[in-house]
Protein backbone atom coordinates (compact mmCIF):
# COMPACT_ATOMS: atom_id res chain seq x y z
CA MET A 1 -38.80 3.06 0.88
CA ALA A 2 -35.30 2.80 1.39
CA LEU A 3 -34.67 0.98 -1.75
CA GLN A 4 -36.34 3.97 -4.05
CA LYS A 5 -33.04 5.83 -3.05
CA MET A 6 -31.20 2.87 -4.97
CA LEU A 7 -31.48 1.31 -8.15
CA LYS A 8 -30.28 4.34 -10.00
CA PHE A 9 -27.89 2.96 -12.16
CA VAL A 10 -30.11 2.63 -14.81
CA SER A 11 -31.09 6.44 -15.18
CA VAL A 12 -27.69 7.68 -13.17
CA SER A 13 -24.12 7.67 -15.04
CA ARG A 14 -21.08 6.90 -13.56
CA ASP A 15 -19.43 9.83 -12.66
CA MET A 16 -15.80 9.92 -10.76
CA PRO A 17 -14.80 13.37 -8.58
CA GLU A 18 -13.11 15.64 -10.63
CA LYS A 19 -9.43 15.25 -11.74
CA ARG A 20 -7.01 18.19 -11.75
CA GLU A 21 -5.72 19.18 -15.33
CA ALA A 22 -2.56 17.31 -15.80
CA THR A 23 -0.49 20.23 -16.79
CA LEU A 24 -1.23 21.76 -13.22
CA ARG A 25 -1.27 18.96 -11.01
CA ASN A 26 1.90 17.58 -12.45
CA GLN A 27 3.61 20.74 -10.85
CA ASP A 28 2.93 19.26 -7.19
CA TYR A 29 2.50 17.14 -4.72
CA HIS A 30 -1.44 17.26 -4.09
CA GLU A 31 -3.70 14.78 -4.68
CA ILE A 32 -5.03 14.71 -8.12
CA TYR A 33 -8.93 14.19 -7.37
CA ALA A 34 -11.30 16.48 -6.00
CA ASP A 35 -13.60 15.90 -3.11
CA PHE A 36 -17.12 14.62 -3.66
CA ALA A 37 -19.68 17.06 -2.51
CA ARG A 38 -22.19 16.15 -0.53
CA ALA A 39 -25.09 15.20 -3.35
CA LYS A 40 -22.86 13.84 -5.92
CA ALA A 41 -21.87 11.37 -3.28
CA GLU A 42 -25.47 10.38 -2.41
CA GLU A 43 -26.16 10.45 -6.28
CA GLN A 44 -23.33 8.07 -7.19
CA ALA A 45 -23.85 6.12 -4.11
CA SER A 46 -27.44 5.49 -4.88
CA ARG A 47 -26.66 3.40 -8.17
CA CYS A 48 -25.75 0.44 -6.24
CA SER A 49 -28.14 -2.19 -6.87
CA GLN A 50 -28.26 -3.80 -3.58
CA CYS A 51 -27.51 -7.22 -5.05
CA GLY A 52 -28.19 -10.27 -3.50
CA VAL A 53 -24.81 -11.75 -3.69
CA PRO A 54 -22.47 -8.61 -3.40
CA PHE A 55 -19.35 -9.53 -5.21
CA CYS A 56 -17.67 -6.06 -4.64
CA GLN A 57 -17.58 -7.34 -0.92
CA SER A 58 -16.46 -10.97 -1.36
CA HIS A 59 -13.96 -9.70 -3.62
CA CYS A 60 -12.68 -7.20 -0.85
CA PRO A 61 -10.00 -8.42 1.48
CA LEU A 62 -11.63 -7.13 4.39
CA HIS A 63 -15.21 -8.04 2.64
CA ASN A 64 -16.26 -4.60 3.21
CA ASN A 65 -20.09 -3.94 3.86
CA ILE A 66 -20.21 -1.89 0.64
CA PRO A 67 -23.88 -2.00 -0.19
CA ASP A 68 -24.99 -1.02 3.45
CA TRP A 69 -22.46 1.94 3.29
CA LEU A 70 -23.53 2.63 0.12
CA ARG A 71 -27.78 2.74 0.70
CA MET A 72 -26.61 4.70 4.10
CA THR A 73 -24.71 7.63 1.88
CA ALA A 74 -27.49 7.65 -0.42
CA GLU A 75 -30.27 8.23 2.40
CA GLY A 76 -27.82 10.80 3.89
CA ARG A 77 -26.92 8.88 7.06
CA LEU A 78 -23.16 9.42 7.17
CA GLU A 79 -22.37 8.92 10.35
CA GLU A 80 -24.00 5.57 10.31
CA ALA A 81 -22.20 4.69 6.94
CA TYR A 82 -18.67 5.61 8.69
CA ALA A 83 -19.51 3.39 11.81
CA LEU A 84 -20.26 0.67 9.26
CA SER A 85 -17.30 1.03 7.26
CA GLN A 86 -14.77 1.54 10.51
CA ALA A 87 -15.93 -1.73 11.75
CA THR A 88 -14.48 -3.98 9.25
CA ASN A 89 -11.55 -1.62 7.91
CA SER A 90 -8.97 0.30 10.72
CA PHE A 91 -8.34 3.24 7.56
CA PRO A 92 -11.59 3.45 5.26
CA GLU A 93 -10.08 6.72 4.09
CA ILE A 94 -6.48 5.69 3.12
CA CYS A 95 -7.81 2.31 1.54
CA GLY A 96 -10.38 5.02 -0.40
CA ARG A 97 -7.66 6.94 -2.02
CA ILE A 98 -5.08 3.71 -2.79
CA CYS A 99 -6.94 0.48 -2.90
CA PRO A 100 -6.84 -0.93 -6.73
CA GLN A 101 -10.59 -1.13 -6.80
CA ASP A 102 -10.37 -1.31 -10.84
CA ARG A 103 -9.16 -5.35 -9.47
CA LEU A 104 -10.76 -5.74 -6.84
CA CYS A 105 -14.56 -4.15 -5.40
CA GLU A 106 -15.64 -1.65 -8.23
CA GLY A 107 -13.97 -4.51 -11.05
CA ASN A 108 -16.28 -7.22 -9.70
CA CYS A 109 -19.52 -4.53 -9.23
CA VAL A 110 -22.77 -6.56 -10.66
CA ILE A 111 -24.02 -3.73 -12.63
CA GLU A 112 -20.80 -3.69 -14.48
CA GLN A 113 -21.56 -7.57 -15.68
CA ALA A 114 -24.73 -6.14 -16.60
CA GLY A 115 -23.32 -3.81 -18.82
CA PHE A 116 -23.41 -0.46 -16.89
CA GLU A 117 -20.20 1.30 -15.30
CA THR A 118 -19.39 0.29 -12.11
CA VAL A 119 -20.39 1.94 -8.63
CA THR A 120 -17.50 4.56 -8.28
CA ILE A 121 -16.85 2.37 -4.54
CA GLY A 122 -13.50 3.72 -3.51
CA ALA A 123 -14.07 7.94 -4.21
CA VAL A 124 -17.79 7.06 -1.49
CA GLU A 125 -15.34 5.40 0.86
CA LYS A 126 -13.15 8.25 0.98
CA TYR A 127 -15.73 10.83 0.86
CA ILE A 128 -17.35 9.16 3.64
CA THR A 129 -14.28 9.03 6.00
CA ASP A 130 -13.48 12.56 5.20
CA THR A 131 -16.24 13.69 6.22
CA ALA A 132 -16.22 11.91 9.42
CA TRP A 133 -12.91 13.23 10.39
CA GLN A 134 -14.42 16.93 9.10
CA ASN A 135 -17.53 16.42 11.91
CA GLY A 136 -15.19 14.96 14.54
CA TRP A 137 -16.81 11.41 14.34
CA VAL A 138 -13.42 10.12 14.45
CA ARG A 139 -12.43 10.04 18.22
CA PRO A 140 -9.34 8.24 19.95
CA ILE A 141 -10.10 4.79 21.07
CA ALA A 142 -11.39 4.00 24.56
CA PRO A 143 -11.41 0.62 25.62
CA THR A 144 -14.18 -0.38 28.01
CA VAL A 145 -11.77 -2.66 29.76
CA ALA A 146 -8.44 -2.17 30.82
CA ARG A 147 -6.11 -5.26 30.45
CA THR A 148 -2.82 -5.88 31.99
CA GLU A 149 -1.44 -7.69 28.98
CA SER A 150 0.87 -6.11 26.98
CA VAL A 151 1.91 -6.59 22.80
CA GLY A 152 4.85 -5.83 21.16
CA ILE A 153 4.43 -4.74 17.26
CA ILE A 154 7.51 -4.87 15.03
CA GLY A 155 6.74 -2.23 12.22
CA SER A 156 4.37 0.69 11.96
CA GLY A 157 2.89 0.06 8.17
CA PRO A 158 -0.92 -0.31 7.81
CA GLY A 159 -0.41 -4.31 9.19
CA GLY A 160 0.96 -3.34 12.15
CA LEU A 161 -0.92 0.17 13.09
CA ALA A 162 -4.43 -2.24 12.13
CA ALA A 163 -3.54 -4.64 14.81
CA ALA A 164 -2.79 -1.92 17.02
CA ASP A 165 -6.01 -0.26 16.43
CA HIS A 166 -7.54 -3.59 16.91
CA LEU A 167 -5.51 -4.44 20.25
CA ARG A 168 -5.89 -1.54 21.51
CA ARG A 169 -9.68 -1.32 21.14
CA ALA A 170 -9.81 -4.66 23.19
CA GLY A 171 -8.16 -2.71 26.43
CA LEU A 172 -4.20 -4.19 25.58
CA GLN A 173 -1.34 -2.08 26.20
CA VAL A 174 0.30 -1.61 22.93
CA THR A 175 4.00 -0.24 21.90
CA VAL A 176 5.25 -0.69 18.25
CA TYR A 177 8.83 -0.55 17.52
CA GLU A 178 9.42 1.23 13.91
CA ARG A 179 13.17 2.07 12.76
CA ALA A 180 12.21 4.94 10.60
CA ASP A 181 11.97 8.23 12.41
CA ARG A 182 8.06 8.43 11.71
CA ALA A 183 5.58 5.69 11.83
CA GLY A 184 3.67 4.34 8.42
CA GLY A 185 5.78 2.15 6.94
CA LEU A 186 5.50 2.49 2.94
CA MET A 187 2.43 4.42 3.68
CA THR A 188 4.47 7.19 4.54
CA TYR A 189 7.52 6.99 2.84
CA GLY A 190 7.21 4.96 -0.02
CA ILE A 191 3.81 6.04 -1.66
CA PRO A 192 3.57 9.72 -2.93
CA ALA A 193 1.79 12.20 -1.51
CA PHE A 194 -0.28 13.10 -4.71
CA LYS A 195 -1.68 9.51 -4.07
CA LEU A 196 -1.93 9.83 -0.51
CA GLU A 197 -1.36 13.14 1.30
CA LYS A 198 1.07 12.58 4.25
CA GLU A 199 -1.26 14.52 6.90
CA ILE A 200 -4.10 11.49 6.14
CA VAL A 201 -1.42 8.84 7.65
CA MET A 202 -0.11 11.49 10.40
CA ARG A 203 -3.33 12.06 11.73
CA ARG A 204 -4.18 8.37 11.96
CA VAL A 205 -1.03 7.75 14.03
CA LYS A 206 -1.72 10.48 16.27
CA GLN A 207 -5.47 9.05 16.91
CA LEU A 208 -3.83 5.75 17.86
CA GLU A 209 -1.23 7.90 20.33
CA ASP A 210 -4.00 9.59 21.94
CA SER A 211 -5.71 6.51 22.16
CA GLY A 212 -2.59 4.85 24.58
CA VAL A 213 -0.21 3.17 21.44
CA ASN A 214 3.19 3.81 22.64
CA PHE A 215 5.83 4.25 19.20
CA VAL A 216 9.41 3.71 20.04
CA LEU A 217 10.70 5.62 16.77
CA ASN A 218 14.19 5.04 15.05
CA CYS A 219 14.36 1.55 17.09
CA ALA A 220 15.82 -1.35 15.01
CA VAL A 221 15.36 -4.48 16.10
CA GLY A 222 18.58 -6.66 15.96
CA THR A 223 20.66 -3.11 16.57
CA ASP A 224 18.62 -0.89 19.37
CA ILE A 225 16.91 -3.82 21.07
CA ALA A 226 17.27 -7.48 20.68
CA PHE A 227 14.19 -9.80 19.21
CA ALA A 228 14.15 -11.67 22.44
CA ASP A 229 14.09 -9.19 24.68
CA LEU A 230 10.38 -8.06 22.86
CA CYS A 231 9.72 -11.52 23.55
CA VAL A 232 10.45 -11.58 27.20
CA ARG A 233 9.06 -7.83 27.69
CA HIS A 234 5.87 -8.77 26.17
CA ASP A 235 2.92 -11.08 26.50
CA ALA A 236 2.86 -11.38 22.37
CA VAL A 237 4.55 -10.01 19.74
CA LEU A 238 3.76 -9.31 16.00
CA ILE A 239 6.06 -9.50 13.16
CA ALA A 240 4.85 -6.53 10.58
CA THR A 241 8.33 -5.69 9.20
CA GLY A 242 7.16 -5.41 5.30
CA VAL A 243 10.02 -5.87 2.92
CA TYR A 244 12.54 -3.66 1.81
CA LYS A 245 15.14 -5.58 -0.05
CA SER A 246 15.02 -4.30 -3.60
CA ARG A 247 15.11 -7.04 -6.56
CA ASP A 248 18.50 -6.14 -8.65
CA LEU A 249 19.65 -6.69 -12.36
CA SER A 250 22.92 -8.55 -12.57
CA VAL A 251 23.66 -7.20 -16.07
CA PRO A 252 26.83 -5.02 -17.04
CA GLY A 253 27.24 -1.36 -15.77
CA ALA A 254 25.14 -1.92 -12.93
CA GLY A 255 27.47 -0.26 -10.61
CA LEU A 256 27.31 2.94 -11.99
CA GLY A 257 26.84 6.03 -10.76
CA GLY A 258 22.90 7.33 -11.41
CA ILE A 259 21.40 3.93 -11.13
CA VAL A 260 19.13 4.26 -7.73
CA ARG A 261 16.84 1.85 -6.18
CA ALA A 262 13.15 3.05 -6.16
CA ILE A 263 12.66 2.73 -2.41
CA ASP A 264 15.71 4.92 -2.02
CA TYR A 265 14.13 7.52 -4.69
CA LEU A 266 10.81 7.55 -3.14
CA THR A 267 11.95 8.26 0.47
CA ALA A 268 14.15 10.99 -0.46
CA SER A 269 11.43 12.80 -2.39
CA ASN A 270 8.86 12.07 0.60
CA ARG A 271 11.12 13.58 3.16
CA VAL A 272 11.51 16.45 1.08
CA ASN A 273 8.10 16.63 1.03
CA PHE A 274 7.82 16.55 4.80
CA GLY A 275 10.29 19.45 4.91
CA ASP A 276 13.13 17.56 5.94
CA THR A 277 16.78 18.60 4.44
CA VAL A 278 18.01 15.31 2.17
CA PRO A 279 21.23 16.07 0.93
CA GLU A 280 21.01 13.92 -2.22
CA ILE A 281 18.15 15.82 -3.62
CA ASP A 282 19.58 18.76 -2.93
CA THR A 283 22.92 18.03 -4.58
CA GLY A 284 21.13 16.59 -7.49
CA GLN A 285 22.44 12.68 -6.89
CA ILE A 286 18.90 11.48 -6.64
CA SER A 287 16.55 14.03 -8.01
CA ALA A 288 15.43 14.11 -11.96
CA ALA A 289 15.54 17.77 -12.55
CA GLY A 290 16.39 18.37 -15.66
CA LYS A 291 17.34 14.85 -16.11
CA ARG A 292 16.42 11.96 -18.49
CA VAL A 293 14.92 9.72 -16.53
CA VAL A 294 14.67 5.67 -17.06
CA VAL A 295 12.56 3.74 -14.88
CA ILE A 296 12.42 -0.16 -15.35
CA GLY A 297 9.68 -2.20 -13.97
CA GLY A 298 6.02 -1.89 -14.70
CA GLY A 299 4.00 -2.41 -11.01
CA ASP A 300 2.73 0.33 -8.83
CA THR A 301 6.13 1.44 -7.43
CA ALA A 302 7.12 2.20 -10.92
CA MET A 303 3.95 4.00 -11.58
CA ASP A 304 5.10 5.81 -8.22
CA CYS A 305 8.20 6.57 -9.60
CA VAL A 306 7.93 7.98 -13.13
CA ARG A 307 5.50 10.21 -11.76
CA THR A 308 7.48 11.36 -9.14
CA ALA A 309 10.11 12.18 -11.90
CA ILE A 310 7.70 14.09 -13.86
CA ARG A 311 7.16 16.24 -10.75
CA GLN A 312 10.54 16.99 -10.31
CA GLY A 313 11.03 18.50 -13.75
CA ALA A 314 12.68 15.58 -15.40
CA THR A 315 13.18 16.69 -19.38
CA SER A 316 11.52 13.05 -19.94
CA VAL A 317 10.51 10.19 -18.29
CA LYS A 318 10.18 7.00 -20.08
CA CYS A 319 9.26 3.31 -18.24
CA LEU A 320 10.45 0.12 -19.84
CA TYR A 321 8.51 -3.24 -19.26
CA ARG A 322 9.40 -6.40 -20.76
CA ARG A 323 5.61 -7.05 -21.45
CA ASP A 324 2.89 -5.41 -22.78
CA ARG A 325 0.16 -2.98 -21.03
CA ALA A 326 -2.32 -5.70 -20.96
CA ASN A 327 0.07 -7.67 -18.91
CA MET A 328 1.52 -5.14 -16.58
CA PRO A 329 0.77 -5.88 -13.30
CA GLY A 330 0.16 -2.13 -12.01
CA SER A 331 -2.86 -0.49 -12.07
CA GLN A 332 -4.28 0.30 -15.52
CA ARG A 333 -5.32 3.91 -13.89
CA GLU A 334 -2.67 4.54 -12.73
CA THR A 335 -0.86 3.94 -15.93
CA ARG A 336 -3.65 6.11 -17.43
CA ASN A 337 -2.73 9.06 -14.82
CA ALA A 338 0.78 8.85 -15.76
CA GLU A 339 0.69 8.90 -19.53
CA GLU A 340 -1.52 12.29 -18.64
CA GLU A 341 1.75 13.29 -17.01
CA GLY A 342 3.90 13.17 -20.01
CA VAL A 343 5.42 9.39 -19.24
CA GLU A 344 5.99 7.64 -22.17
CA PHE A 345 5.79 3.68 -21.77
CA VAL A 346 7.78 1.51 -24.01
CA TRP A 347 6.34 -1.50 -24.00
CA LEU A 348 8.32 -5.01 -24.61
CA THR A 349 11.79 -4.28 -23.86
CA THR A 350 14.17 -5.51 -20.84
CA PRO A 351 17.51 -4.12 -19.98
CA ARG A 352 20.82 -5.84 -21.10
CA ALA A 353 23.11 -3.13 -19.94
CA PHE A 354 23.97 0.35 -18.50
CA VAL A 355 26.61 2.51 -20.53
CA GLY A 356 28.57 5.20 -19.23
CA GLU A 357 31.77 6.37 -17.68
CA GLY A 358 31.51 6.54 -13.99
CA ARG A 359 27.80 7.43 -14.47
CA VAL A 360 25.22 6.14 -16.45
CA THR A 361 23.80 7.83 -19.97
CA GLY A 362 22.12 5.08 -21.67
CA VAL A 363 20.80 1.92 -21.18
CA ARG A 364 21.31 -0.87 -23.71
CA VAL A 365 17.42 -2.10 -24.35
CA ALA A 366 16.45 -5.40 -25.86
CA ARG A 367 12.85 -5.52 -27.70
CA MET A 368 11.19 -8.34 -26.39
CA ARG A 369 7.81 -10.30 -28.13
CA LEU A 370 5.51 -12.68 -25.88
CA GLY A 371 5.77 -16.23 -26.06
CA ALA A 372 3.78 -18.97 -24.79
CA PRO A 373 2.23 -18.76 -21.25
CA ASP A 374 4.43 -19.33 -18.05
CA ALA A 375 3.55 -21.57 -14.97
CA SER A 376 1.37 -18.47 -14.05
CA GLY A 377 -0.59 -18.31 -17.13
CA ARG A 378 0.88 -14.99 -18.75
CA GLN A 379 2.83 -15.00 -21.60
CA SER A 380 6.81 -15.23 -21.56
CA PRO A 381 8.39 -12.75 -22.90
CA GLN A 382 11.41 -13.41 -25.54
CA GLU A 383 14.49 -11.26 -26.60
CA ILE A 384 14.18 -10.59 -30.35
CA GLU A 385 17.78 -10.83 -31.80
CA GLY A 386 19.46 -8.30 -33.20
CA ALA A 387 16.77 -5.22 -32.23
CA ASP A 388 19.07 -3.90 -29.21
CA TYR A 389 19.21 -0.50 -28.93
CA THR A 390 20.29 2.18 -26.21
CA GLU A 391 17.81 4.46 -24.59
CA PRO A 392 19.31 7.95 -23.59
CA ALA A 393 18.95 7.98 -19.39
CA ASP A 394 20.57 10.65 -17.06
CA LEU A 395 18.88 8.63 -14.09
CA VAL A 396 18.00 5.19 -13.82
CA ILE A 397 15.38 3.87 -11.42
CA LYS A 398 15.01 0.37 -10.35
CA ALA A 399 11.52 -0.74 -9.73
CA LEU A 400 11.53 -4.61 -10.02
CA GLY A 401 9.82 -5.36 -6.80
CA PHE A 402 11.01 -6.39 -3.26
CA LEU A 403 12.25 -9.12 -1.09
CA PRO A 404 12.19 -10.32 2.61
CA GLU A 405 15.21 -9.38 4.61
CA ASN A 406 16.81 -12.27 6.28
CA LEU A 407 14.98 -11.84 9.90
CA PRO A 408 16.41 -15.22 11.55
CA GLU A 409 19.99 -13.87 11.05
CA ASP A 410 19.46 -10.42 11.11
CA TRP A 411 17.47 -10.74 14.37
CA ASN A 412 19.72 -13.73 15.94
CA ALA A 413 16.41 -15.91 15.70
CA PRO A 414 16.75 -18.87 14.58
CA ASP A 415 13.66 -19.98 15.37
CA LEU A 416 11.85 -17.93 13.17
CA SER A 417 11.00 -20.28 10.42
CA VAL A 418 10.77 -19.19 6.19
CA THR A 419 9.69 -20.33 3.31
CA ASP A 420 11.76 -20.96 -0.09
CA TRP A 421 10.95 -17.12 -1.01
CA GLY A 422 12.31 -16.01 2.31
CA THR A 423 8.73 -14.92 3.76
CA LEU A 424 8.19 -15.97 7.30
CA LYS A 425 6.09 -18.88 7.72
CA THR A 426 2.65 -18.81 9.56
CA ASP A 427 -0.75 -20.54 9.85
CA PHE A 428 -2.72 -18.89 7.12
CA LEU A 429 -5.83 -18.26 9.39
CA THR A 430 -4.45 -17.53 12.56
CA HIS A 431 -1.09 -16.20 11.63
CA ARG A 432 0.60 -17.55 14.59
CA THR A 433 4.05 -18.61 13.66
CA PRO A 434 6.14 -21.80 14.85
CA THR A 435 7.66 -19.46 17.85
CA LYS A 436 5.30 -19.59 20.18
CA GLY A 437 3.92 -16.15 21.32
CA VAL A 438 4.99 -14.95 17.73
CA TYR A 439 2.71 -13.76 14.90
CA ALA A 440 3.37 -12.53 11.49
CA VAL A 441 1.39 -10.39 8.94
CA GLY A 442 1.69 -8.80 5.46
CA ASP A 443 4.25 -8.31 3.09
CA ILE A 444 6.93 -10.27 5.44
CA VAL A 445 4.68 -13.30 5.06
CA ARG A 446 3.02 -12.81 1.79
CA GLY A 447 5.95 -11.25 -0.38
CA ALA A 448 5.14 -7.66 -2.10
CA SER A 449 1.43 -7.25 -1.73
CA LEU A 450 -1.19 -4.35 -1.33
CA VAL A 451 -2.11 -2.19 1.64
CA VAL A 452 -5.28 -3.46 1.76
CA TRP A 453 -4.12 -6.95 2.49
CA ALA A 454 -1.69 -6.19 5.50
CA ILE A 455 -4.73 -4.23 7.12
CA ALA A 456 -6.93 -7.43 6.52
CA ASP A 457 -4.19 -9.94 8.06
CA GLY A 458 -3.11 -7.03 11.05
CA ARG A 459 -6.92 -7.58 11.81
CA ALA A 460 -6.98 -11.07 11.66
CA ALA A 461 -3.59 -11.54 13.49
CA ALA A 462 -4.82 -9.26 16.63
CA ALA A 463 -8.08 -11.44 16.71
CA SER A 464 -5.93 -14.40 17.14
CA ILE A 465 -3.57 -12.74 19.81
CA LEU A 466 -6.93 -11.89 21.98
CA ALA A 467 -8.23 -15.44 21.34
CA ASP A 468 -4.85 -16.72 22.79
CA LEU A 469 -4.70 -14.51 25.79
CA ASP A 470 -8.19 -15.11 26.64
CA LYS A 471 -7.29 -18.73 26.35
CA ALA A 472 -3.87 -18.72 28.70
CA GLN A 473 -5.97 -16.32 31.17
CA ALA A 474 -8.88 -18.70 31.47
CA ALA A 475 -6.06 -21.61 31.85
CA ALA A 476 -4.76 -19.32 34.72
CA ARG A 477 -7.77 -19.14 36.41
CA VAL A 478 -8.69 -22.90 36.68
CA ALA A 479 -4.82 -23.87 37.60
CA PRO A 480 -4.55 -25.34 40.73
């Protein structure tokens, strides 16, 4: 009988939650998609084919049991759907909002391969967990066993918080050290509120606090506390710092005023939306209001910047990217949203210099063509000689990606090993570093990546920490 509620993809079309009109949504920082009503969520979940080999699940970094919680949603069993979703994903309401489903679960949906539109997995995931919060199904963690061992987690982004959640459920004492004044990492200060409203992040942080996780804010390891001291204080230490060092451009004029890093720009904007006083915004130094804005880059961070600039009241916003639309690394869905809101994309262009006297007034741009594929298989961009031009600009935002900070040097921890790219070396499966009792997850290991991968890493590292602590306890019991 249960399957009668499923397999509706042949008669029911794909439908997303209503998206607010661009002329309205580009005036504020509220999320752009409305919520599913219960009937619509059940209808869309019923389109799942319940296939024998669920590619949506295998292409999810968390391997979420998507077909089962879609069926539960279609059958109206929402509390069970939430429990199953939460079992594999510490923060399903966050992934439902910001995961690039078009590249992961939805992009590999079996019915789409058969010529039907994919199931709206992300929107249903968001609906399930938002409903759980509204109905009080999300409660503080209540470990069944209290353990004395403690774990120190450096960084409160998705990897650190996912590990904290997993470890606290096992009864361990968990302390999270965060150098910012709020927890959440890039989810708090990097991702704009129109993609992830900040109360969504803050209520998860509060849930962890109410569960007994201790947050030490405004605490920079290497400055306010020594890394070596943390290793002595805790039975295990997890490094989940992310990567915050911005890639730069070494071109003439790079030192002019009005050229800013994406992370600085987005952090300032998010602080304003928290109600903080941000002098750089108040003076116009890092605000797009009334300015011609040029954003350099084609990833998700660039999309966040261009859409923020529109909301700040820029007179024009252009995004320069050296490849074409088909080869950009960012989400196609985010690109469409940006275009709807008034952003202009200038494909196959790259900056050669910045022009201006003291402050930037334009970007000298080279036009590109795509040549032979490089080692990654993507076509390499090549400059077209004699096709340069100047793009007027009052504010330039560099969204060129992020690099890891030099943690061994910054933390006086030479035993931490790094790769040729500066990321921390760990065992791929256990997330152990060569330093005993120290683990690392997320972007500081992978390089700049997705929130969902950081959550998966955090959960996996927590499992390794638990296994190692259990092994140590067992050895201590049999020791003479």
